[in-house]
Protein backbone atom coordinates (compact mmCIF):
# COMPACT_ATOMS: atom_id res chain seq x y z
CA MET A 1 194.34 -28.76 66.44
CA SER A 2 192.68 -31.92 65.17
CA ASP A 3 189.40 -31.81 63.26
CA PHE A 4 188.48 -34.88 65.33
CA PHE A 5 187.65 -32.59 68.25
CA PHE A 6 184.78 -30.22 67.54
CA PRO A 7 184.48 -27.24 69.92
CA GLU A 8 186.79 -24.46 68.82
CA LEU A 9 188.17 -21.98 71.30
CA LEU A 10 187.33 -18.43 70.25
CA THR A 11 188.71 -16.43 73.19
CA VAL A 12 190.49 -16.96 76.47
CA LYS A 13 190.96 -14.45 79.25
CA ALA A 14 192.77 -14.70 82.58
CA LEU A 15 190.63 -14.09 85.61
CA GLU A 16 191.98 -14.35 89.13
CA PRO A 17 194.89 -16.72 89.34
CA TYR A 18 194.35 -19.47 88.25
CA ARG A 19 190.99 -19.21 86.53
CA LEU A 20 190.34 -18.76 82.83
CA SER A 21 187.24 -17.56 81.05
CA THR A 22 186.84 -19.37 77.73
CA THR A 23 184.45 -18.73 74.85
CA TRP A 24 183.71 -21.56 72.42
CA ASN A 25 182.14 -21.73 68.99
CA THR A 26 179.29 -23.71 70.59
CA GLY A 27 178.12 -20.44 72.18
CA GLU A 28 179.31 -21.54 75.61
CA VAL A 29 181.26 -19.24 77.89
CA LEU A 30 182.88 -21.45 80.51
CA GLU A 31 185.27 -20.83 83.37
CA VAL A 32 187.94 -23.26 84.48
CA ASP A 33 190.40 -23.39 87.36
CA VAL A 34 193.75 -24.67 86.05
CA GLY A 35 195.77 -24.11 89.24
CA ASP A 36 196.04 -27.80 90.17
CA ILE A 37 197.12 -28.75 86.65
CA LEU A 38 199.79 -26.03 86.58
CA ARG A 39 201.12 -27.16 89.99
CA LYS A 40 201.16 -30.83 89.00
CA HIS A 41 203.47 -30.41 86.00
CA LEU A 42 206.88 -28.94 86.74
CA ALA A 43 207.26 -27.54 83.21
CA LEU A 44 204.09 -25.47 83.73
CA ASN A 45 205.13 -24.03 87.13
CA PRO A 46 206.41 -20.71 85.67
CA ILE A 47 202.81 -19.95 84.62
CA LEU A 48 201.91 -19.80 88.32
CA GLU A 49 203.50 -16.34 88.49
CA PRO A 50 200.53 -13.90 88.38
CA GLU A 51 202.19 -11.67 85.76
CA VAL A 52 202.83 -14.66 83.50
CA PHE A 53 199.36 -16.14 84.05
CA ALA A 54 197.75 -12.82 83.05
CA ARG A 55 199.42 -13.05 79.60
CA VAL A 56 197.33 -16.03 78.48
CA HIS A 57 196.16 -15.88 74.87
CA ARG A 58 194.76 -17.99 72.06
CA ASP A 59 197.59 -19.14 69.81
CA ASP A 60 197.54 -19.32 66.01
CA TRP A 61 196.29 -22.93 66.10
CA GLY A 62 193.43 -22.27 68.50
CA GLY A 63 195.16 -23.47 71.68
CA ILE A 64 195.65 -21.76 75.03
CA GLU A 65 199.19 -20.45 75.34
CA TRP A 66 201.41 -18.43 77.64
CA PHE A 67 204.94 -18.43 76.22
CA ASP A 68 206.37 -21.83 75.29
CA SER A 69 203.71 -23.72 77.21
CA GLU A 70 200.18 -24.45 76.20
CA LEU A 71 197.12 -26.43 77.23
CA GLY A 72 195.20 -28.53 74.73
CA THR A 73 191.72 -27.23 74.04
CA ASP A 74 190.13 -30.68 74.25
CA ASN A 75 191.42 -31.05 77.81
CA VAL A 76 190.44 -27.50 78.76
CA TYR A 77 186.94 -27.98 77.35
CA ALA A 78 186.53 -31.19 79.36
CA TRP A 79 187.79 -29.52 82.56
CA CYS A 80 185.37 -26.63 81.99
CA LYS A 81 182.42 -28.99 81.61
CA GLU A 82 183.37 -31.14 84.60
CA GLN A 83 183.99 -28.14 86.88
CA ALA A 84 180.56 -26.81 85.84
CA GLY A 85 179.00 -30.12 86.96
CA LYS A 86 178.34 -31.38 83.42
CA VAL A 87 179.39 -34.49 81.54
CA SER A 88 182.46 -34.14 79.34
CA HIS A 89 183.48 -36.08 76.26
CA GLU A 90 186.46 -37.36 78.27
CA MET A 91 184.18 -38.82 80.95
CA PHE A 92 182.18 -40.55 78.22
CA GLY A 93 185.36 -41.87 76.58
CA LYS A 94 186.66 -43.16 79.92
CA TRP A 95 183.34 -44.95 80.50
CA MET A 96 183.70 -46.65 77.11
CA HIS A 97 187.33 -47.59 77.77
CA ARG A 98 186.66 -48.79 81.33
CA ASN A 99 183.97 -51.13 80.03
CA GLY A 100 185.82 -52.25 76.90
CA LEU A 101 183.18 -50.77 74.60
CA SER A 102 183.60 -49.82 70.96
CA LEU A 103 181.38 -47.27 69.22
CA THR A 104 179.09 -50.12 68.16
CA THR A 105 178.88 -51.88 71.53
CA ALA A 106 178.41 -48.58 73.40
CA ALA A 107 175.55 -47.74 71.02
CA GLN A 108 173.97 -51.13 71.65
CA ALA A 109 174.39 -50.75 75.41
CA LEU A 110 172.68 -47.35 75.45
CA GLY A 111 170.10 -48.00 72.72
CA ILE A 112 171.32 -45.11 70.58
CA SER A 113 173.00 -44.86 67.19
CA ARG A 114 176.69 -45.47 66.65
CA ARG A 115 176.89 -42.01 65.12
CA MET A 116 175.50 -40.40 68.30
CA VAL A 117 178.11 -42.25 70.38
CA SER A 118 180.77 -40.84 68.05
CA TYR A 119 179.32 -37.33 68.46
CA TYR A 120 179.43 -37.65 72.25
CA ARG A 121 182.97 -39.07 72.19
CA THR A 122 184.30 -36.19 70.08
CA ALA A 123 182.31 -33.43 71.82
CA GLN A 124 180.32 -32.67 68.68
CA LYS A 125 177.11 -33.02 70.71
CA GLN A 126 176.39 -32.29 74.36
CA ILE A 127 175.91 -35.42 76.46
CA PRO A 128 172.46 -35.30 78.06
CA ARG A 129 172.23 -35.99 81.78
CA GLN A 130 169.94 -38.98 81.17
CA THR A 131 172.48 -40.51 78.79
CA TRP A 132 175.21 -40.23 81.41
CA LEU A 133 172.89 -41.75 84.02
CA ALA A 134 172.18 -44.58 81.56
CA CYS A 135 175.95 -45.12 81.20
CA LEU A 136 176.32 -45.43 84.96
CA GLY A 137 173.26 -47.68 85.22
CA TRP A 138 174.54 -49.92 82.44
CA GLU A 139 177.92 -50.15 84.15
CA THR A 140 176.25 -51.07 87.44
CA THR A 141 173.95 -53.75 86.03
CA ARG A 142 175.92 -54.98 82.98
CA PRO A 143 172.84 -56.43 81.30
CA LYS A 144 173.10 -59.13 78.68
CA PRO A 145 172.21 -58.11 75.10
CA ASN A 146 168.46 -57.71 74.56
CA GLU A 147 167.83 -57.92 78.29
CA LEU A 148 166.55 -55.11 80.46
CA PRO A 149 167.31 -55.26 84.20
CA LEU A 150 164.29 -54.78 86.44
CA SER A 151 166.27 -53.73 89.52
CA LEU A 152 169.71 -52.73 90.68
CA PRO A 153 172.00 -55.47 91.95
CA THR A 154 172.67 -55.93 95.65
CA VAL A 155 176.12 -55.02 96.94
CA LYS A 156 177.13 -58.68 96.76
CA GLN A 157 175.82 -59.03 93.19
CA TYR A 158 177.53 -55.80 92.17
CA ALA A 159 180.85 -57.05 93.56
CA ALA A 160 180.46 -60.31 91.63
CA LEU A 161 179.64 -58.44 88.41
CA HIS A 162 182.77 -56.32 88.73
CA ALA A 163 185.18 -58.98 89.98
């Protein structure tokens, strides 16, 4: 596992098919439904057997493994957060990518430090709800540098901004 990604998986336990209970070094205990992911990838289909699914374990490198197949912990952590109704580092990264933002330009857009953007992007810090709402607001208004929008654009203005 890369040191780039922070949360470390401590334990994983199979619940009902196809839910996992995960414990992270952040103190979080999160559940995730991986049924759709297992169905989507043909190579993972054998894990859909209840007896196989029940044999989930943490591998020697900190990943989630059954036999020859495994799920990356960064993905699992993001799925856990999203299924719990929270913002994941992957959502934040997709927002940056979708808007062509670097660490520096994302920091400028949100009025936070470049280091904090990096923390959010690598899941080293939880992304506060207000920060995510600011991301969505910035994407909607696309303000010019050093300019603060006073209102949301109309549907027509929004379409023009995103054309």
